[in-house]
C-alpha cells in the first residue's frame, strides 16, 4: 500500500513552511492540504487551487503497522 503526501516546502512562501501532510487517499490529502493552506497561508479554496495541489501529490511506501 502506498501513502500520498504533499510537502509545503515545494510551494514558495515567505513563511518557509516545512509541513508535510500525508494520507491514504488523494481526496483526504487534498482536503487536509487545503485546510492547512487556508488557515496558515491565507489561500482561498477553489477548484483551481485544488487542481494545483493535486499536481503536487507524491507517493511513498506506507509504514507497516506494528502490533
PDB file of N, CA and C in Angstrom:
ATOM      1  N   UNK A   1       0.841  -1.177   0.000  1.00  0.00           N
ATOM      2  CA  UNK A   1       0.000   0.000   0.000  1.00  0.00           C
ATOM      3  C   UNK A   1       0.888   1.242   0.000  1.00  0.00           C
ATOM      4  N   UNK A   2       0.478   2.242  -0.735  1.00  0.00           N
ATOM      5  CA  UNK A   2       1.237   3.490  -0.761  1.00  0.00           C
ATOM      6  C   UNK A   2       0.445   4.598  -0.085  1.00  0.00           C
ATOM      7  N   UNK A   3       1.174   5.490   0.541  1.00  0.00           N
ATOM      8  CA  UNK A   3       0.558   6.705   1.089  1.00  0.00           C
ATOM      9  C   UNK A   3       0.896   7.840   0.148  1.00  0.00           C
ATOM     10  N   UNK A   4       0.086   8.849   0.189  1.00  0.00           N
ATOM     11  CA  UNK A   4       0.291  10.030  -0.627  1.00  0.00           C
ATOM     12  C   UNK A   4       0.684  11.180   0.300  1.00  0.00           C
ATOM     13  N   UNK A   5       1.516  12.092  -0.213  1.00  0.00           N
ATOM     14  CA  UNK A   5       1.890  13.237   0.611  1.00  0.00           C
ATOM     15  C   UNK A   5       2.099  14.482  -0.233  1.00  0.00           C
ATOM     16  N   UNK A   6       1.961  15.606   0.427  1.00  0.00           N
ATOM     17  CA  UNK A   6       2.258  16.922  -0.141  1.00  0.00           C
ATOM     18  C   UNK A   6       3.228  17.595   0.823  1.00  0.00           C
ATOM     19  N   UNK A   7       4.285  18.165   0.288  1.00  0.00           N
ATOM     20  CA  UNK A   7       5.304  18.835   1.087  1.00  0.00           C
ATOM     21  C   UNK A   7       5.203  20.340   0.850  1.00  0.00           C
ATOM     22  N   UNK A   8       4.906  21.067   1.894  1.00  0.00           N
ATOM     23  CA  UNK A   8       4.711  22.516   1.785  1.00  0.00           C
ATOM     24  C   UNK A   8       5.977  23.231   1.305  1.00  0.00           C
ATOM     25  N   UNK A   9       7.134  22.614   1.502  1.00  0.00           N
ATOM     26  CA  UNK A   9       8.387  23.244   1.074  1.00  0.00           C
ATOM     27  C   UNK A   9       8.444  23.414  -0.446  1.00  0.00           C
ATOM     28  N   UNK A  10       7.594  22.700  -1.169  1.00  0.00           N
ATOM     29  CA  UNK A  10       7.585  22.816  -2.631  1.00  0.00           C
ATOM     30  C   UNK A  10       6.819  24.048  -3.113  1.00  0.00           C
ATOM     31  N   UNK A  11       6.140  24.739  -2.190  1.00  0.00           N
ATOM     32  CA  UNK A  11       5.381  25.934  -2.535  1.00  0.00           C
ATOM     33  C   UNK A  11       6.112  27.136  -1.937  1.00  0.00           C
ATOM     34  N   UNK A  12       6.685  27.985  -2.766  1.00  0.00           N
ATOM     35  CA  UNK A  12       7.438  29.129  -2.239  1.00  0.00           C
ATOM     36  C   UNK A  12       6.555  30.022  -1.367  1.00  0.00           C
ATOM     37  N   UNK A  13       7.077  30.402  -0.203  1.00  0.00           N
ATOM     38  CA  UNK A  13       6.362  31.346   0.651  1.00  0.00           C
ATOM     39  C   UNK A  13       7.368  32.048   1.542  1.00  0.00           C
ATOM     40  N   UNK A  14       6.976  33.203   2.043  1.00  0.00           N
ATOM     41  CA  UNK A  14       7.843  33.942   2.952  1.00  0.00           C
ATOM     42  C   UNK A  14       7.962  33.235   4.296  1.00  0.00           C
ATOM     43  N   UNK A  15       6.982  32.386   4.626  1.00  0.00           N
ATOM     44  CA  UNK A  15       6.974  31.684   5.907  1.00  0.00           C
ATOM     45  C   UNK A  15       8.022  30.576   5.961  1.00  0.00           C
ATOM     46  N   UNK A  16       8.421  30.080   4.797  1.00  0.00           N
ATOM     47  CA  UNK A  16       9.339  28.941   4.711  1.00  0.00           C
ATOM     48  C   UNK A  16       8.779  27.750   5.505  1.00  0.00           C
ATOM     49  N   UNK A  17       7.501  27.461   5.283  1.00  0.00           N
ATOM     50  CA  UNK A  17       6.786  26.384   5.965  1.00  0.00           C
ATOM     51  C   UNK A  17       7.414  25.035   5.609  1.00  0.00           C
ATOM     52  N   UNK A  18       7.564  24.178   6.594  1.00  0.00           N
ATOM     53  CA  UNK A  18       8.182  22.869   6.387  1.00  0.00           C
ATOM     54  C   UNK A  18       7.215  21.716   6.643  1.00  0.00           C
ATOM     55  N   UNK A  19       5.926  21.998   6.676  1.00  0.00           N
ATOM     56  CA  UNK A  19       4.916  20.966   6.930  1.00  0.00           C
ATOM     57  C   UNK A  19       4.822  20.004   5.752  1.00  0.00           C
ATOM     58  N   UNK A  20       4.710  18.721   6.059  1.00  0.00           N
ATOM     59  CA  UNK A  20       4.383  17.695   5.067  1.00  0.00           C
ATOM     60  C   UNK A  20       3.137  16.995   5.585  1.00  0.00           C
ATOM     61  N   UNK A  21       2.159  16.785   4.709  1.00  0.00           N
ATOM     62  CA  UNK A  21       0.884  16.175   5.078  1.00  0.00           C
ATOM     63  C   UNK A  21       0.742  14.884   4.293  1.00  0.00           C
ATOM     64  N   UNK A  22       0.287  13.813   4.954  1.00  0.00           N
ATOM     65  CA  UNK A  22       0.115  12.543   4.252  1.00  0.00           C
ATOM     66  C   UNK A  22      -1.237  11.928   4.569  1.00  0.00           C
ATOM     67  N   UNK A  23      -1.695  11.080   3.655  1.00  0.00           N
ATOM     68  CA  UNK A  23      -2.965  10.370   3.809  1.00  0.00           C
ATOM     69  C   UNK A  23      -2.967   9.186   2.851  1.00  0.00           C
ATOM     70  N   UNK A  24      -3.929   8.284   3.051  1.00  0.00           N
ATOM     71  CA  UNK A  24      -4.039   7.120   2.171  1.00  0.00           C
ATOM     72  C   UNK A  24      -4.730   7.448   0.853  1.00  0.00           C
ATOM     73  N   UNK A  25      -5.609   8.449   0.851  1.00  0.00           N
ATOM     74  CA  UNK A  25      -6.323   8.782  -0.384  1.00  0.00           C
ATOM     75  C   UNK A  25      -6.001  10.208  -0.817  1.00  0.00           C
ATOM     76  N   UNK A  26      -6.058  10.429  -2.104  1.00  0.00           N
ATOM     77  CA  UNK A  26      -5.791  11.760  -2.646  1.00  0.00           C
ATOM     78  C   UNK A  26      -6.828  12.762  -2.165  1.00  0.00           C
ATOM     79  N   UNK A  27      -8.091  12.366  -2.129  1.00  0.00           N
ATOM     80  CA  UNK A  27      -9.130  13.295  -1.687  1.00  0.00           C
ATOM     81  C   UNK A  27      -8.912  13.745  -0.249  1.00  0.00           C
ATOM     82  N   UNK A  28      -8.603  12.790   0.633  1.00  0.00           N
ATOM     83  CA  UNK A  28      -8.357  13.137   2.037  1.00  0.00           C
ATOM     84  C   UNK A  28      -7.141  14.050   2.157  1.00  0.00           C
ATOM     85  N   UNK A  29      -6.117  13.757   1.401  1.00  0.00           N
ATOM     86  CA  UNK A  29      -4.901  14.558   1.415  1.00  0.00           C
ATOM     87  C   UNK A  29      -5.164  15.976   0.935  1.00  0.00           C
ATOM     88  N   UNK A  30      -5.865  16.117  -0.175  1.00  0.00           N
ATOM     89  CA  UNK A  30      -6.148  17.450  -0.712  1.00  0.00           C
ATOM     90  C   UNK A  30      -7.007  18.245   0.266  1.00  0.00           C
ATOM     91  N   UNK A  31      -7.984  17.605   0.881  1.00  0.00           N
ATOM     92  CA  UNK A  31      -8.817  18.309   1.867  1.00  0.00           C
ATOM     93  C   UNK A  31      -7.965  18.827   3.025  1.00  0.00           C
ATOM     94  N   UNK A  32      -7.057  18.012   3.528  1.00  0.00           N
ATOM     95  CA  UNK A  32      -6.191  18.437   4.631  1.00  0.00           C
ATOM     96  C   UNK A  32      -5.232  19.541   4.185  1.00  0.00           C
ATOM     97  N   UNK A  33      -4.700  19.421   2.989  1.00  0.00           N
ATOM     98  CA  UNK A  33      -3.768  20.431   2.481  1.00  0.00           C
ATOM     99  C   UNK A  33      -4.479  21.765   2.256  1.00  0.00           C
ATOM    100  N   UNK A  34      -5.713  21.715   1.779  1.00  0.00           N
ATOM    101  CA  UNK A  34      -6.490  22.948   1.598  1.00  0.00           C
ATOM    102  C   UNK A  34      -6.733  23.600   2.957  1.00  0.00           C
ATOM    103  N   UNK A  35      -7.133  22.801   3.951  1.00  0.00           N
ATOM    104  CA  UNK A  35      -7.372  23.353   5.290  1.00  0.00           C
ATOM    105  C   UNK A  35      -6.118  24.030   5.825  1.00  0.00           C
ATOM    106  N   UNK A  36      -4.961  23.405   5.636  1.00  0.00           N
ATOM    107  CA  UNK A  36      -3.687  23.995   6.073  1.00  0.00           C
ATOM    108  C   UNK A  36      -3.412  25.289   5.305  1.00  0.00           C
ATOM    109  N   UNK A  37      -3.539  25.241   4.002  1.00  0.00           N
ATOM    110  CA  UNK A  37      -3.218  26.412   3.171  1.00  0.00           C
ATOM    111  C   UNK A  37      -4.133  27.595   3.488  1.00  0.00           C
ATOM    112  N   UNK A  38      -5.393  27.331   3.748  1.00  0.00           N
ATOM    113  CA  UNK A  38      -6.339  28.402   4.057  1.00  0.00           C
ATOM    114  C   UNK A  38      -6.046  28.986   5.442  1.00  0.00           C
ATOM    115  N   UNK A  39      -5.873  28.112   6.440  1.00  0.00           N
ATOM    116  CA  UNK A  39      -5.720  28.603   7.819  1.00  0.00           C
ATOM    117  C   UNK A  39      -4.339  29.184   8.095  1.00  0.00           C
ATOM    118  N   UNK A  40      -3.307  28.648   7.468  1.00  0.00           N
ATOM    119  CA  UNK A  40      -1.944  29.099   7.770  1.00  0.00           C
ATOM    120  C   UNK A  40      -1.424  30.104   6.753  1.00  0.00           C
ATOM    121  N   UNK A  41      -1.714  29.867   5.484  1.00  0.00           N
ATOM    122  CA  UNK A  41      -1.125  30.691   4.429  1.00  0.00           C
ATOM    123  C   UNK A  41      -2.086  31.715   3.817  1.00  0.00           C
ATOM    124  N   UNK A  42      -3.349  31.703   4.255  1.00  0.00           N
ATOM    125  CA  UNK A  42      -4.304  32.686   3.748  1.00  0.00           C
ATOM    126  C   UNK A  42      -4.767  32.429   2.325  1.00  0.00           C
ATOM    127  N   UNK A  43      -4.594  31.209   1.833  1.00  0.00           N
ATOM    128  CA  UNK A  43      -5.060  30.870   0.489  1.00  0.00           C
ATOM    129  C   UNK A  43      -6.583  30.781   0.475  1.00  0.00           C
ATOM    130  N   UNK A  44      -7.150  30.748  -0.717  1.00  0.00           N
ATOM    131  CA  UNK A  44      -8.597  30.623  -0.876  1.00  0.00           C
ATOM    132  C   UNK A  44      -8.894  29.287  -1.535  1.00  0.00           C
ATOM    133  N   UNK A  45      -9.848  28.579  -0.970  1.00  0.00           N
ATOM    134  CA  UNK A  45     -10.262  27.283  -1.523  1.00  0.00           C
ATOM    135  C   UNK A  45     -11.012  27.514  -2.831  1.00  0.00           C
ATOM    136  N   UNK A  46     -10.546  26.878  -3.878  1.00  0.00           N
ATOM    137  CA  UNK A  46     -11.207  26.977  -5.184  1.00  0.00           C
ATOM    138  C   UNK A  46     -10.875  25.716  -5.970  1.00  0.00           C
ATOM    139  N   UNK A  47     -11.662  25.418  -6.986  1.00  0.00           N
ATOM    140  CA  UNK A  47     -11.341  24.257  -7.815  1.00  0.00           C
ATOM    141  C   UNK A  47      -9.950  24.366  -8.457  1.00  0.00           C
ATOM    142  N   UNK A  48      -9.557  25.545  -8.862  1.00  0.00           N
ATOM    143  CA  UNK A  48      -8.239  25.730  -9.480  1.00  0.00           C
ATOM    144  C   UNK A  48      -7.121  25.462  -8.466  1.00  0.00           C
ATOM    145  N   UNK A  49      -7.300  25.934  -7.228  1.00  0.00           N
ATOM    146  CA  UNK A  49      -6.293  25.704  -6.195  1.00  0.00           C
ATOM    147  C   UNK A  49      -6.190  24.224  -5.878  1.00  0.00           C
ATOM    148  N   UNK A  50      -7.331  23.548  -5.782  1.00  0.00           N
ATOM    149  CA  UNK A  50      -7.324  22.113  -5.518  1.00  0.00           C
ATOM    150  C   UNK A  50      -6.629  21.347  -6.653  1.00  0.00           C
ATOM    151  N   UNK A  51      -6.823  21.793  -7.877  1.00  0.00           N
ATOM    152  CA  UNK A  51      -6.164  21.148  -9.017  1.00  0.00           C
ATOM    153  C   UNK A  51      -4.645  21.311  -8.921  1.00  0.00           C
ATOM    154  N   UNK A  52      -4.190  22.488  -8.481  1.00  0.00           N
ATOM    155  CA  UNK A  52      -2.750  22.708  -8.304  1.00  0.00           C
ATOM    156  C   UNK A  52      -2.188  21.790  -7.215  1.00  0.00           C
ATOM    157  N   UNK A  53      -2.935  21.648  -6.129  1.00  0.00           N
ATOM    158  CA  UNK A  53      -2.489  20.765  -5.063  1.00  0.00           C
ATOM    159  C   UNK A  53      -2.408  19.318  -5.546  1.00  0.00           C
ATOM    160  N   UNK A  54      -3.370  18.892  -6.328  1.00  0.00           N
ATOM    161  CA  UNK A  54      -3.355  17.513  -6.846  1.00  0.00           C
ATOM    162  C   UNK A  54      -2.096  17.244  -7.675  1.00  0.00           C
ATOM    163  N   UNK A  55      -1.599  18.257  -8.355  1.00  0.00           N
ATOM    164  CA  UNK A  55      -0.375  18.096  -9.143  1.00  0.00           C
ATOM    165  C   UNK A  55       0.849  17.903  -8.248  1.00  0.00           C
ATOM    166  N   UNK A  56       0.755  18.330  -6.984  1.00  0.00           N
ATOM    167  CA  UNK A  56       1.884  18.256  -6.062  1.00  0.00           C
ATOM    168  C   UNK A  56       1.886  16.985  -5.213  1.00  0.00           C
ATOM    169  N   UNK A  57       0.931  16.089  -5.467  1.00  0.00           N
ATOM    170  CA  UNK A  57       0.844  14.859  -4.672  1.00  0.00           C
ATOM    171  C   UNK A  57       1.946  13.886  -5.090  1.00  0.00           C
ATOM    172  N   UNK A  58       2.634  13.339  -4.087  1.00  0.00           N
ATOM    173  CA  UNK A  58       3.667  12.328  -4.288  1.00  0.00           C
ATOM    174  C   UNK A  58       3.227  11.042  -3.597  1.00  0.00           C
ATOM    175  N   UNK A  59       3.814   9.928  -3.987  1.00  0.00           N
ATOM    176  CA  UNK A  59       3.519   8.661  -3.331  1.00  0.00           C
ATOM    177  C   UNK A  59       4.749   8.168  -2.584  1.00  0.00           C
ATOM    178  N   UNK A  60       4.498   7.492  -1.466  1.00  0.00           N
ATOM    179  CA  UNK A  60       5.579   6.891  -0.686  1.00  0.00           C
ATOM    180  C   UNK A  60       5.074   5.571  -0.129  1.00  0.00           C
ATOM    181  N   UNK A  61       5.981   4.699   0.203  1.00  0.00           N
ATOM    182  CA  UNK A  61       5.600   3.437   0.808  1.00  0.00           C
ATOM    183  C   UNK A  61       5.077   3.697   2.218  1.00  0.00           C
ATOM    184  N   UNK A  62       3.968   3.079   2.555  1.00  0.00           N
ATOM    185  CA  UNK A  62       3.375   3.267   3.876  1.00  0.00           C
ATOM    186  C   UNK A  62       4.174   2.475   4.914  1.00  0.00           C
ATOM    187  N   UNK A  63       4.244   3.013   6.091  1.00  0.00           N
ATOM    188  CA  UNK A  63       4.882   2.295   7.187  1.00  0.00           C
ATOM    189  C   UNK A  63       4.014   1.116   7.562  1.00  0.00           C
ATOM    190  N   UNK A  64       4.650   0.026   7.947  1.00  0.00           N
ATOM    191  CA  UNK A  64       3.904  -1.162   8.353  1.00  0.00           C
ATOM    192  C   UNK A  64       3.382  -0.984   9.761  1.00  0.00           C
ATOM    193  N   UNK A  65       2.159  -1.440   9.995  1.00  0.00           N
ATOM    194  CA  UNK A  65       1.603  -1.401  11.345  1.00  0.00           C
ATOM    195  C   UNK A  65       2.344  -2.390  12.220  1.00  0.00           C
ATOM    196  N   UNK A  66       2.749  -1.934  13.364  1.00  0.00           N
ATOM    197  CA  UNK A  66       3.434  -2.795  14.317  1.00  0.00           C
ATOM    198  C   UNK A  66       2.480  -3.039  15.482  1.00  0.00           C
ATOM    199  N   UNK A  67       2.142  -4.291  15.717  1.00  0.00           N
ATOM    200  CA  UNK A  67       1.192  -4.587  16.790  1.00  0.00           C
ATOM    201  C   UNK A  67       1.907  -5.114  18.014  1.00  0.00           C
TER     202      UNK A  67
END
